[in-house]
Amino acid sequence: MSEVYEKVLPHIYDGKANRLYEVKDHPDLLIIERKDDVTAGNGAKHGTIQDKGFYNNKISNCLFQMLDNADINVATHFVQEISDRETLIQKVEPIKLEVVVRNIATGSICKRLPFADGEEFKNPVFEIYYKDDAWGDPLVNDVEAIELGVLHNVDEYEDIFVAACEINAVLKEFFQSIGIILVDFKIEFGRTAQGCLVVIDEISPDTCRLWDAETRKKLDKDRFRQDLGDEAGAYREVYRRVCEQK
């Protein structure tokens, strides 16, 4: 008989897309609950997408398990899925950075630099952002991240850079195999009690830009950002390709 993991109420964190709960009798674990809420522009635009929590939970768990089984030097916080919208995860110390890897130019980078929208980069572009809504999640470099106390040292920055590049290679190849272009994505990292880096949060259409390989139809949160409609249909299509065709 499998163990039952009981949430401790109330939640300890209520974010834009997820809630976190402690787990009774398991101080080293948390339960993450995916919500249907969706935001853009650092919360300036808010709405819901029907069944988004279900789709993101399933998609993220499939991709985390794939990364855990891949030949890369970083694990994820995934432990096991416990319901359609809830997942048991390892409790870690979050690193206050959003790590972005870009394969194709679109979005904010085209406003900051003279890249054409849709231009494919010769090499993936790696960026780190200080995760703080009050400061607007600003772009920072490695030295600034260390001075802010977010990163311990240059070696930790290098470890994150290598891990992000490895993750990009695995995800890009996988998405290509199911007819999707991985345009860019955001990931977050945490530290275990032993100081090991792990991937946390989620990998989903909320955190990735995904285009259909044939039509270049957007299959991600840009449909909400840009008022393109059929947001639920896009998330459902990614879920179908990622989880139902494995």
C-alpha atoms as a PDB file:
ATOM      1  CA  MET A   1       0.000   0.000   0.000  1.00  0.00           C
ATOM      2  CA  SER A   2       1.435   3.355  -1.026  1.00  0.00           C
ATOM      3  CA  GLU A   3       2.002   6.013   1.623  1.00  0.00           C
ATOM      4  CA  VAL A   4      -0.537   8.816   1.963  1.00  0.00           C
ATOM      5  CA  TYR A   5       0.981  12.293   2.199  1.00  0.00           C
ATOM      6  CA  GLU A   6      -1.174  14.758   4.126  1.00  0.00           C
ATOM      7  CA  LYS A   7      -1.050  18.508   3.546  1.00  0.00           C
ATOM      8  CA  VAL A   8      -0.624  20.727   6.580  1.00  0.00           C
ATOM      9  CA  LEU A   9      -3.090  23.623   6.410  1.00  0.00           C
ATOM     10  CA  PRO A  10      -2.904  26.490   5.794  1.00  0.00           C
ATOM     11  CA  HIS A  11      -0.496  26.812   2.863  1.00  0.00           C
ATOM     12  CA  ILE A  12       2.926  28.350   3.502  1.00  0.00           C
ATOM     13  CA  TYR A  13       3.115  30.111   0.135  1.00  0.00           C
ATOM     14  CA  ASP A  14       0.512  31.341  -2.349  1.00  0.00           C
ATOM     15  CA  GLY A  15       2.122  32.470  -5.598  1.00  0.00           C
ATOM     16  CA  LYS A  16       0.913  33.510  -9.008  1.00  0.00           C
ATOM     17  CA  ALA A  17       0.579  29.951 -10.299  1.00  0.00           C
ATOM     18  CA  ASN A  18       1.230  27.605  -7.355  1.00  0.00           C
ATOM     19  CA  ARG A  19       0.574  27.019  -3.665  1.00  0.00           C
ATOM     20  CA  LEU A  20       2.971  25.238  -1.327  1.00  0.00           C
ATOM     21  CA  TYR A  21       2.077  23.134   1.692  1.00  0.00           C
ATOM     22  CA  GLU A  22       4.149  21.420   4.333  1.00  0.00           C
ATOM     23  CA  VAL A  23       3.640  17.652   4.671  1.00  0.00           C
ATOM     24  CA  LYS A  24       2.588  16.019   7.919  1.00  0.00           C
ATOM     25  CA  ASP A  25       5.428  13.962   9.451  1.00  0.00           C
ATOM     26  CA  HIS A  26       7.752  14.766   6.517  1.00  0.00           C
ATOM     27  CA  PRO A  27       9.746  17.966   7.247  1.00  0.00           C
ATOM     28  CA  ASP A  28      11.966  17.375   4.205  1.00  0.00           C
ATOM     29  CA  LEU A  29       9.045  17.387   1.739  1.00  0.00           C
ATOM     30  CA  LEU A  30       6.466  19.847   0.377  1.00  0.00           C
ATOM     31  CA  ILE A  31       3.318  19.536  -1.717  1.00  0.00           C
ATOM     32  CA  ILE A  32       2.987  21.926  -4.655  1.00  0.00           C
ATOM     33  CA  GLU A  33      -0.522  22.612  -5.940  1.00  0.00           C
ATOM     34  CA  ARG A  34      -0.912  24.018  -9.455  1.00  0.00           C
ATOM     35  CA  LYS A  35      -3.518  26.760  -9.966  1.00  0.00           C
ATOM     36  CA  ASP A  36      -5.556  27.829 -12.998  1.00  0.00           C
ATOM     37  CA  ASP A  37      -4.549  31.463 -12.398  1.00  0.00           C
ATOM     38  CA  VAL A  38      -2.381  33.097 -15.035  1.00  0.00           C
ATOM     39  CA  THR A  39      -0.528  36.406 -14.913  1.00  0.00           C
ATOM     40  CA  ALA A  40       1.619  38.507 -17.224  1.00  0.00           C
ATOM     41  CA  GLY A  41       3.699  41.650 -16.838  1.00  0.00           C
ATOM     42  CA  ASN A  42       4.773  40.815 -13.270  1.00  0.00           C
ATOM     43  CA  GLY A  43       1.133  40.411 -12.237  1.00  0.00           C
ATOM     44  CA  ALA A  44      -0.209  43.487 -14.044  1.00  0.00           C
ATOM     45  CA  LYS A  45      -2.499  41.277 -16.141  1.00  0.00           C
ATOM     46  CA  HIS A  46      -4.394  38.510 -14.402  1.00  0.00           C
ATOM     47  CA  GLY A  47      -6.858  35.834 -15.486  1.00  0.00           C
ATOM     48  CA  THR A  48      -7.518  32.109 -15.472  1.00  0.00           C
ATOM     49  CA  ILE A  49      -7.094  29.355 -18.036  1.00  0.00           C
ATOM     50  CA  GLN A  50      -9.439  26.409 -17.661  1.00  0.00           C
ATOM     51  CA  ASP A  51      -7.613  23.316 -16.350  1.00  0.00           C
ATOM     52  CA  LYS A  52      -4.204  25.014 -16.573  1.00  0.00           C
ATOM     53  CA  GLY A  53      -3.237  23.605 -13.190  1.00  0.00           C
ATOM     54  CA  PHE A  54      -3.977  20.090 -14.406  1.00  0.00           C
ATOM     55  CA  TYR A  55      -2.035  20.521 -17.655  1.00  0.00           C
ATOM     56  CA  ASN A  56       0.975  22.211 -16.040  1.00  0.00           C
ATOM     57  CA  ASN A  57       1.197  19.614 -13.277  1.00  0.00           C
ATOM     58  CA  LYS A  58       1.175  16.740 -15.756  1.00  0.00           C
ATOM     59  CA  ILE A  59       3.516  18.387 -18.279  1.00  0.00           C
ATOM     60  CA  SER A  60       6.027  19.538 -15.666  1.00  0.00           C
ATOM     61  CA  ASN A  61       6.093  16.137 -13.975  1.00  0.00           C
ATOM     62  CA  CYS A  62       6.689  14.351 -17.293  1.00  0.00           C
ATOM     63  CA  LEU A  63       9.551  16.711 -18.132  1.00  0.00           C
ATOM     64  CA  PHE A  64      11.087  16.578 -14.644  1.00  0.00           C
ATOM     65  CA  GLN A  65      11.089  12.777 -14.738  1.00  0.00           C
ATOM     66  CA  MET A  66      12.694  12.886 -18.174  1.00  0.00           C
ATOM     67  CA  LEU A  67      15.448  15.189 -16.856  1.00  0.00           C
ATOM     68  CA  ASP A  68      15.966  12.982 -13.803  1.00  0.00           C
ATOM     69  CA  ASN A  69      16.539  10.044 -16.155  1.00  0.00           C
ATOM     70  CA  ALA A  70      18.785  11.986 -18.542  1.00  0.00           C
ATOM     71  CA  ASP A  71      22.568  11.973 -18.481  1.00  0.00           C
ATOM     72  CA  ILE A  72      22.975  15.445 -16.975  1.00  0.00           C
ATOM     73  CA  ASN A  73      24.653  16.670 -13.792  1.00  0.00           C
ATOM     74  CA  VAL A  74      21.611  18.126 -12.030  1.00  0.00           C
ATOM     75  CA  ALA A  75      18.493  16.559 -10.529  1.00  0.00           C
ATOM     76  CA  THR A  76      15.023  18.061 -10.005  1.00  0.00           C
ATOM     77  CA  HIS A  77      12.958  18.464  -6.848  1.00  0.00           C
ATOM     78  CA  PHE A  78      10.309  16.039  -8.161  1.00  0.00           C
ATOM     79  CA  VAL A  79       9.411  13.131  -5.862  1.00  0.00           C
ATOM     80  CA  GLN A  80       6.037  11.853  -7.059  1.00  0.00           C
ATOM     81  CA  GLU A  81       2.703  12.999  -8.434  1.00  0.00           C
ATOM     82  CA  ILE A  82      -0.018  12.601  -5.832  1.00  0.00           C
ATOM     83  CA  SER A  83      -3.052  14.002  -7.704  1.00  0.00           C
ATOM     84  CA  ASP A  84      -3.934  15.651 -10.997  1.00  0.00           C
ATOM     85  CA  ARG A  85      -2.934  19.046  -9.617  1.00  0.00           C
ATOM     86  CA  GLU A  86      -0.596  18.184  -6.746  1.00  0.00           C
ATOM     87  CA  THR A  87       2.968  16.912  -6.638  1.00  0.00           C
ATOM     88  CA  LEU A  88       5.249  15.886  -3.817  1.00  0.00           C
ATOM     89  CA  ILE A  89       8.591  17.698  -4.011  1.00  0.00           C
ATOM     90  CA  GLN A  90      11.857  17.860  -2.135  1.00  0.00           C
ATOM     91  CA  LYS A  91      12.136  20.806   0.248  1.00  0.00           C
ATOM     92  CA  VAL A  92      15.107  22.952  -0.741  1.00  0.00           C
ATOM     93  CA  GLU A  93      16.414  26.500  -0.335  1.00  0.00           C
ATOM     94  CA  PRO A  94      15.234  28.450  -3.414  1.00  0.00           C
ATOM     95  CA  ILE A  95      17.804  30.563  -5.261  1.00  0.00           C
ATOM     96  CA  LYS A  96      16.335  33.980  -6.052  1.00  0.00           C
ATOM     97  CA  LEU A  97      17.159  33.840  -9.747  1.00  0.00           C
ATOM     98  CA  GLU A  98      15.188  33.176 -12.901  1.00  0.00           C
ATOM     99  CA  VAL A  99      17.459  31.505 -15.430  1.00  0.00           C
ATOM    100  CA  VAL A 100      16.451  32.020 -19.058  1.00  0.00           C
ATOM    101  CA  VAL A 101      17.787  30.136 -22.077  1.00  0.00           C
ATOM    102  CA  ARG A 102      16.873  31.468 -25.514  1.00  0.00           C
ATOM    103  CA  ASN A 103      17.187  29.544 -28.791  1.00  0.00           C
ATOM    104  CA  ILE A 104      15.195  32.026 -30.889  1.00  0.00           C
ATOM    105  CA  ALA A 105      14.841  35.789 -30.445  1.00  0.00           C
ATOM    106  CA  THR A 106      11.410  36.956 -29.369  1.00  0.00           C
ATOM    107  CA  GLY A 107       9.825  38.888 -26.527  1.00  0.00           C
ATOM    108  CA  SER A 108      11.832  41.191 -24.285  1.00  0.00           C
ATOM    109  CA  ILE A 109      15.233  40.528 -25.868  1.00  0.00           C
ATOM    110  CA  CYS A 110      13.985  42.099 -29.117  1.00  0.00           C
ATOM    111  CA  LYS A 111      13.128  45.245 -27.178  1.00  0.00           C
ATOM    112  CA  ARG A 112      16.559  45.424 -25.521  1.00  0.00           C
ATOM    113  CA  LEU A 113      18.792  44.409 -28.435  1.00  0.00           C
ATOM    114  CA  PRO A 114      18.657  44.652 -32.254  1.00  0.00           C
ATOM    115  CA  PHE A 115      17.495  41.080 -32.945  1.00  0.00           C
ATOM    116  CA  ALA A 116      14.701  40.365 -35.397  1.00  0.00           C
ATOM    117  CA  ASP A 117      11.684  38.591 -33.915  1.00  0.00           C
ATOM    118  CA  GLY A 118      12.026  34.923 -34.851  1.00  0.00           C
ATOM    119  CA  GLU A 119      15.764  35.103 -35.524  1.00  0.00           C
ATOM    120  CA  GLU A 120      17.480  31.850 -34.573  1.00  0.00           C
ATOM    121  CA  PHE A 121      20.585  32.240 -32.445  1.00  0.00           C
ATOM    122  CA  LYS A 122      23.787  30.498 -33.549  1.00  0.00           C
ATOM    123  CA  ASN A 123      24.304  29.542 -29.890  1.00  0.00           C
ATOM    124  CA  PRO A 124      21.770  29.539 -27.052  1.00  0.00           C
ATOM    125  CA  VAL A 125      21.628  32.832 -25.165  1.00  0.00           C
ATOM    126  CA  PHE A 126      21.869  32.487 -21.367  1.00  0.00           C
ATOM    127  CA  GLU A 127      20.484  35.154 -19.030  1.00  0.00           C
ATOM    128  CA  ILE A 128      19.864  35.455 -15.288  1.00  0.00           C
ATOM    129  CA  TYR A 129      17.279  37.699 -13.635  1.00  0.00           C
ATOM    130  CA  TYR A 130      17.057  38.694  -9.980  1.00  0.00           C
ATOM    131  CA  LYS A 131      13.732  37.279  -8.780  1.00  0.00           C
ATOM    132  CA  ASP A 132      12.070  40.149  -6.946  1.00  0.00           C
ATOM    133  CA  ASP A 133       8.723  41.611  -8.026  1.00  0.00           C
ATOM    134  CA  ALA A 134       9.416  44.878  -6.206  1.00  0.00           C
ATOM    135  CA  TRP A 135      12.425  45.426  -8.488  1.00  0.00           C
ATOM    136  CA  GLY A 136      10.692  44.089 -11.609  1.00  0.00           C
ATOM    137  CA  ASP A 137      12.866  40.946 -11.862  1.00  0.00           C
ATOM    138  CA  PRO A 138      15.841  42.829 -13.376  1.00  0.00           C
ATOM    139  CA  LEU A 139      18.512  41.287 -15.588  1.00  0.00           C
ATOM    140  CA  VAL A 140      21.761  40.824 -13.637  1.00  0.00           C
ATOM    141  CA  ASN A 141      25.214  39.419 -14.319  1.00  0.00           C
ATOM    142  CA  ASP A 142      27.172  36.872 -12.299  1.00  0.00           C
ATOM    143  CA  VAL A 143      29.084  39.458 -10.254  1.00  0.00           C
ATOM    144  CA  GLU A 144      25.886  41.320  -9.339  1.00  0.00           C
ATOM    145  CA  ALA A 145      24.192  38.058  -8.329  1.00  0.00           C
ATOM    146  CA  ILE A 146      27.122  37.231  -6.039  1.00  0.00           C
ATOM    147  CA  GLU A 147      27.179  40.763  -4.538  1.00  0.00           C
ATOM    148  CA  LEU A 148      23.429  40.494  -3.890  1.00  0.00           C
ATOM    149  CA  GLY A 149      24.095  37.296  -1.966  1.00  0.00           C
ATOM    150  CA  VAL A 150      21.933  35.239  -4.320  1.00  0.00           C
ATOM    151  CA  LEU A 151      24.863  33.125  -5.519  1.00  0.00           C
ATOM    152  CA  HIS A 152      27.680  31.953  -3.280  1.00  0.00           C
ATOM    153  CA  ASN A 153      30.520  32.271  -5.785  1.00  0.00           C
ATOM    154  CA  VAL A 154      31.559  32.061  -9.438  1.00  0.00           C
ATOM    155  CA  ASP A 155      31.699  28.265  -9.293  1.00  0.00           C
ATOM    156  CA  GLU A 156      27.992  28.137  -8.439  1.00  0.00           C
ATOM    157  CA  TYR A 157      27.242  30.441 -11.365  1.00  0.00           C
ATOM    158  CA  GLU A 158      29.218  28.140 -13.657  1.00  0.00           C
ATOM    159  CA  ASP A 159      27.336  25.109 -12.325  1.00  0.00           C
ATOM    160  CA  ILE A 160      24.004  26.800 -13.090  1.00  0.00           C
ATOM    161  CA  PHE A 161      25.193  27.798 -16.559  1.00  0.00           C
ATOM    162  CA  VAL A 162      26.308  24.235 -17.394  1.00  0.00           C
ATOM    163  CA  ALA A 163      23.081  22.746 -15.990  1.00  0.00           C
ATOM    164  CA  ALA A 164      20.918  25.166 -17.986  1.00  0.00           C
ATOM    165  CA  CYS A 165      22.780  24.342 -21.199  1.00  0.00           C
ATOM    166  CA  GLU A 166      22.403  20.603 -20.570  1.00  0.00           C
ATOM    167  CA  ILE A 167      18.700  20.994 -19.828  1.00  0.00           C
ATOM    168  CA  ASN A 168      18.250  23.043 -22.989  1.00  0.00           C
ATOM    169  CA  ALA A 169      19.861  20.316 -25.104  1.00  0.00           C
ATOM    170  CA  VAL A 170      17.620  17.597 -23.619  1.00  0.00           C
ATOM    171  CA  LEU A 171      14.407  19.616 -23.866  1.00  0.00           C
ATOM    172  CA  LYS A 172      15.123  20.971 -27.329  1.00  0.00           C
ATOM    173  CA  GLU A 173      15.678  17.461 -28.724  1.00  0.00           C
ATOM    174  CA  PHE A 174      12.586  16.093 -26.989  1.00  0.00           C
ATOM    175  CA  PHE A 175      10.285  18.882 -28.155  1.00  0.00           C
ATOM    176  CA  GLN A 176      11.631  18.563 -31.688  1.00  0.00           C
ATOM    177  CA  SER A 177      10.654  14.868 -31.610  1.00  0.00           C
ATOM    178  CA  ILE A 178       7.015  15.808 -30.912  1.00  0.00           C
ATOM    179  CA  GLY A 179       6.808  18.590 -33.496  1.00  0.00           C
ATOM    180  CA  ILE A 180       7.401  21.567 -31.197  1.00  0.00           C
ATOM    181  CA  ILE A 181      10.086  24.271 -31.350  1.00  0.00           C
ATOM    182  CA  LEU A 182      11.551  25.187 -27.954  1.00  0.00           C
ATOM    183  CA  VAL A 183      11.944  28.922 -28.469  1.00  0.00           C
ATOM    184  CA  ASP A 184      13.061  29.773 -24.931  1.00  0.00           C
ATOM    185  CA  PHE A 185      12.368  28.817 -21.332  1.00  0.00           C
ATOM    186  CA  LYS A 186      12.781  29.924 -17.726  1.00  0.00           C
ATOM    187  CA  ILE A 187      13.952  27.600 -14.978  1.00  0.00           C
ATOM    188  CA  GLU A 188      14.687  28.061 -11.300  1.00  0.00           C
ATOM    189  CA  PHE A 189      17.148  26.324  -9.009  1.00  0.00           C
ATOM    190  CA  GLY A 190      17.393  25.500  -5.331  1.00  0.00           C
ATOM    191  CA  ARG A 191      19.985  24.096  -2.927  1.00  0.00           C
ATOM    192  CA  THR A 192      19.534  20.909  -0.941  1.00  0.00           C
ATOM    193  CA  ALA A 193      20.666  20.667   2.672  1.00  0.00           C
ATOM    194  CA  GLN A 194      23.891  19.151   1.300  1.00  0.00           C
ATOM    195  CA  GLY A 195      24.418  22.161  -0.998  1.00  0.00           C
ATOM    196  CA  CYS A 196      23.548  20.368  -4.241  1.00  0.00           C
ATOM    197  CA  LEU A 197      21.781  22.261  -7.026  1.00  0.00           C
ATOM    198  CA  VAL A 198      18.354  20.997  -8.109  1.00  0.00           C
ATOM    199  CA  VAL A 199      15.817  22.296 -10.626  1.00  0.00           C
ATOM    200  CA  ILE A 200      12.643  23.527  -8.914  1.00  0.00           C
ATOM    201  CA  ASP A 201       9.278  25.163  -9.699  1.00  0.00           C
ATOM    202  CA  GLU A 202       8.009  23.872 -13.067  1.00  0.00           C
ATOM    203  CA  ILE A 203       8.657  23.445 -16.780  1.00  0.00           C
ATOM    204  CA  SER A 204       5.419  24.111 -18.622  1.00  0.00           C
ATOM    205  CA  PRO A 205       3.740  26.379 -21.192  1.00  0.00           C
ATOM    206  CA  ASP A 206       3.805  29.014 -18.428  1.00  0.00           C
ATOM    207  CA  THR A 207       7.611  28.973 -18.366  1.00  0.00           C
ATOM    208  CA  CYS A 208       8.479  28.002 -21.957  1.00  0.00           C
ATOM    209  CA  ARG A 209       7.792  29.528 -25.332  1.00  0.00           C
ATOM    210  CA  LEU A 210       6.673  26.668 -27.554  1.00  0.00           C
ATOM    211  CA  TRP A 211       5.788  26.924 -31.244  1.00  0.00           C
ATOM    212  CA  ASP A 212       4.280  24.271 -33.451  1.00  0.00           C
ATOM    213  CA  ALA A 213       7.081  23.184 -35.793  1.00  0.00           C
ATOM    214  CA  GLU A 214       4.908  23.291 -38.942  1.00  0.00           C
ATOM    215  CA  THR A 215       2.640  26.281 -38.393  1.00  0.00           C
ATOM    216  CA  ARG A 216       4.626  28.243 -35.751  1.00  0.00           C
ATOM    217  CA  LYS A 217       1.383  28.573 -33.799  1.00  0.00           C
ATOM    218  CA  LYS A 218       2.137  29.654 -30.240  1.00  0.00           C
ATOM    219  CA  LEU A 219       1.395  26.897 -27.714  1.00  0.00           C
ATOM    220  CA  ASP A 220       2.229  28.764 -24.501  1.00  0.00           C
ATOM    221  CA  LYS A 221       1.407  31.699 -22.228  1.00  0.00           C
ATOM    222  CA  ASP A 222       2.042  34.183 -25.047  1.00  0.00           C
ATOM    223  CA  ARG A 223      -1.509  33.405 -26.156  1.00  0.00           C
ATOM    224  CA  PHE A 224      -2.643  35.050 -22.908  1.00  0.00           C
ATOM    225  CA  ARG A 225      -0.018  37.808 -22.965  1.00  0.00           C
ATOM    226  CA  GLN A 226      -0.938  38.795 -26.525  1.00  0.00           C
ATOM    227  CA  ASP A 227      -4.718  38.158 -26.325  1.00  0.00           C
ATOM    228  CA  LEU A 228      -4.550  35.490 -29.033  1.00  0.00           C
ATOM    229  CA  GLY A 229      -7.318  33.347 -27.542  1.00  0.00           C
ATOM    230  CA  ASP A 230      -7.632  29.554 -27.220  1.00  0.00           C
ATOM    231  CA  GLU A 231      -5.193  29.459 -24.313  1.00  0.00           C
ATOM    232  CA  ALA A 232      -6.679  26.254 -22.896  1.00  0.00           C
ATOM    233  CA  GLY A 233      -6.481  24.599 -26.306  1.00  0.00           C
ATOM    234  CA  ALA A 234      -2.764  25.377 -26.565  1.00  0.00           C
ATOM    235  CA  TYR A 235      -1.993  23.982 -23.106  1.00  0.00           C
ATOM    236  CA  ARG A 236      -4.109  20.908 -23.862  1.00  0.00           C
ATOM    237  CA  GLU A 237      -2.183  20.301 -27.093  1.00  0.00           C
ATOM    238  CA  VAL A 238       1.188  20.476 -25.318  1.00  0.00           C
ATOM    239  CA  TYR A 239      -0.135  18.081 -22.665  1.00  0.00           C
ATOM    240  CA  ARG A 240      -1.319  15.680 -25.359  1.00  0.00           C
ATOM    241  CA  ARG A 241       2.031  15.640 -27.138  1.00  0.00           C
ATOM    242  CA  VAL A 242       4.227  15.542 -24.022  1.00  0.00           C
ATOM    243  CA  CYS A 243       2.276  13.192 -21.773  1.00  0.00           C
ATOM    244  CA  GLU A 244      -0.047  11.093 -23.928  1.00  0.00           C
ATOM    245  CA  GLN A 245       2.427  10.184 -26.673  1.00  0.00           C
ATOM    246  CA  LYS A 246       5.412   9.217 -24.483  1.00  0.00           C
END
